[in-house]
Each structure stands twice: as C-alpha cells, then as structure tokens.
Amino acid sequence: MNSTSLARSKGETCIICDKEKTIGIHLYTSFICVECENEITSTQTSDEKYKFFLEKLRRVKNPPLYS
C-alpha cells in the first residue's frame, strides 16, 4: 500500500461530529463529512440542533492558531 492510498483510507476529522471520515467537503480550512452536511442542510432554524451547528461552524471562521 502506498502513502497516497493510506492517506485516503485514513480520512479527515469532521469539525461537526469530530469523527474521522473519508468523504465530505472542505469549507475554508475545515472538513465536514457528508452525513453532517446533509443534516445541516435539512435542519430547520427553529430546531435546537441548529444552534449546535452554528457553534460548531464558528470554528471555520476562527481557525486554530499554531505556535
């Protein structure tokens, strides 16, 4: 197994569910898995989970600082 296929099988960490997934989208410097993307787009603004998504998405706006 070469390093390229190993990287693909490992995946990336979703900023919403904090789980490692292989399929999703990149938003700025962050990764959102397909499952979370679908849940975000189908959640009503009146739903309590909407606030949860907003808090998680704020991490996209404020990327972590590395020293």
C-alpha atoms as a PDB file:
ATOM      1  CA  MET A   1       0.000   0.000   0.000  1.00  0.00           C
ATOM      2  CA  ASN A   2       1.486   3.336  -0.998  1.00  0.00           C
ATOM      3  CA  SER A   3       1.251   6.561   1.025  1.00  0.00           C
ATOM      4  CA  THR A   4      -1.467   8.054  -1.219  1.00  0.00           C
ATOM      5  CA  SER A   5      -3.924   5.193  -0.693  1.00  0.00           C
ATOM      6  CA  LEU A   6      -3.097   5.142   3.021  1.00  0.00           C
ATOM      7  CA  ALA A   7      -3.996   8.826   3.342  1.00  0.00           C
ATOM      8  CA  ARG A   8      -7.284   8.266   1.542  1.00  0.00           C
ATOM      9  CA  SER A   9      -8.263   5.327   3.718  1.00  0.00           C
ATOM     10  CA  LYS A  10      -7.488   7.246   6.915  1.00  0.00           C
ATOM     11  CA  GLY A  11      -9.742  10.205   6.167  1.00  0.00           C
ATOM     12  CA  GLU A  12     -10.092  13.546   7.909  1.00  0.00           C
ATOM     13  CA  THR A  13     -11.753  14.696  11.115  1.00  0.00           C
ATOM     14  CA  CYS A  14     -15.146  16.358  10.672  1.00  0.00           C
ATOM     15  CA  ILE A  15     -15.492  19.636  12.573  1.00  0.00           C
ATOM     16  CA  ILE A  16     -19.130  18.862  13.389  1.00  0.00           C
ATOM     17  CA  CYS A  17     -19.114  15.261  14.662  1.00  0.00           C
ATOM     18  CA  ASP A  18     -15.356  15.061  15.414  1.00  0.00           C
ATOM     19  CA  LYS A  19     -15.214  11.631  13.742  1.00  0.00           C
ATOM     20  CA  GLU A  20     -12.753  10.566  11.114  1.00  0.00           C
ATOM     21  CA  LYS A  21     -14.465  10.249   7.722  1.00  0.00           C
ATOM     22  CA  THR A  22     -13.246   9.792   4.174  1.00  0.00           C
ATOM     23  CA  ILE A  23     -15.968  11.574   2.184  1.00  0.00           C
ATOM     24  CA  GLY A  24     -17.045  15.165   2.665  1.00  0.00           C
ATOM     25  CA  ILE A  25     -16.433  18.778   1.725  1.00  0.00           C
ATOM     26  CA  HIS A  26     -13.784  21.329   2.619  1.00  0.00           C
ATOM     27  CA  LEU A  27     -15.006  24.669   3.855  1.00  0.00           C
ATOM     28  CA  TYR A  28     -12.089  27.096   4.070  1.00  0.00           C
ATOM     29  CA  THR A  29      -9.540  25.012   6.029  1.00  0.00           C
ATOM     30  CA  SER A  30     -12.081  22.697   7.675  1.00  0.00           C
ATOM     31  CA  PHE A  31     -13.624  19.357   6.699  1.00  0.00           C
ATOM     32  CA  ILE A  32     -17.339  18.490   7.020  1.00  0.00           C
ATOM     33  CA  CYS A  33     -18.424  14.902   6.371  1.00  0.00           C
ATOM     34  CA  VAL A  34     -21.307  14.104   4.027  1.00  0.00           C
ATOM     35  CA  GLU A  35     -23.565  12.934   6.864  1.00  0.00           C
ATOM     36  CA  CYS A  36     -23.170  16.191   8.796  1.00  0.00           C
ATOM     37  CA  GLU A  37     -23.525  18.270   5.637  1.00  0.00           C
ATOM     38  CA  ASN A  38     -26.858  16.569   4.897  1.00  0.00           C
ATOM     39  CA  GLU A  39     -28.040  17.031   8.475  1.00  0.00           C
ATOM     40  CA  ILE A  40     -27.074  20.728   8.481  1.00  0.00           C
ATOM     41  CA  THR A  41     -28.891  21.445   5.228  1.00  0.00           C
ATOM     42  CA  SER A  42     -32.059  19.659   6.363  1.00  0.00           C
ATOM     43  CA  THR A  43     -32.255  21.183   9.872  1.00  0.00           C
ATOM     44  CA  GLN A  44     -34.848  23.883  10.426  1.00  0.00           C
ATOM     45  CA  THR A  45     -33.704  27.144  12.043  1.00  0.00           C
ATOM     46  CA  SER A  46     -36.274  26.617  14.802  1.00  0.00           C
ATOM     47  CA  ASP A  47     -34.710  23.253  15.736  1.00  0.00           C
ATOM     48  CA  GLU A  48     -32.491  23.181  18.843  1.00  0.00           C
ATOM     49  CA  LYS A  49     -29.801  21.336  16.871  1.00  0.00           C
ATOM     50  CA  TYR A  50     -29.460  24.394  14.608  1.00  0.00           C
ATOM     51  CA  LYS A  51     -27.717  26.274  17.446  1.00  0.00           C
ATOM     52  CA  PHE A  52     -25.341  23.341  17.894  1.00  0.00           C
ATOM     53  CA  PHE A  53     -24.387  23.510  14.208  1.00  0.00           C
ATOM     54  CA  LEU A  54     -23.818  27.261  14.427  1.00  0.00           C
ATOM     55  CA  GLU A  55     -21.429  26.811  17.336  1.00  0.00           C
ATOM     56  CA  LYS A  56     -19.502  24.119  15.501  1.00  0.00           C
ATOM     57  CA  LEU A  57     -19.359  26.158  12.290  1.00  0.00           C
ATOM     58  CA  ARG A  58     -17.816  29.071  14.170  1.00  0.00           C
ATOM     59  CA  ARG A  59     -14.606  27.011  14.193  1.00  0.00           C
ATOM     60  CA  VAL A  60     -14.425  27.546  10.433  1.00  0.00           C
ATOM     61  CA  LYS A  61     -14.377  31.308  10.954  1.00  0.00           C
ATOM     62  CA  ASN A  62     -11.705  31.094  13.674  1.00  0.00           C
ATOM     63  CA  PRO A  63      -9.134  28.529  12.604  1.00  0.00           C
ATOM     64  CA  PRO A  64      -6.847  27.223  15.362  1.00  0.00           C
ATOM     65  CA  LEU A  65      -3.585  29.048  15.993  1.00  0.00           C
ATOM     66  CA  TYR A  66      -0.415  27.040  15.885  1.00  0.00           C
ATOM     67  CA  SER A  67       2.612  28.292  17.737  1.00  0.00           C
END
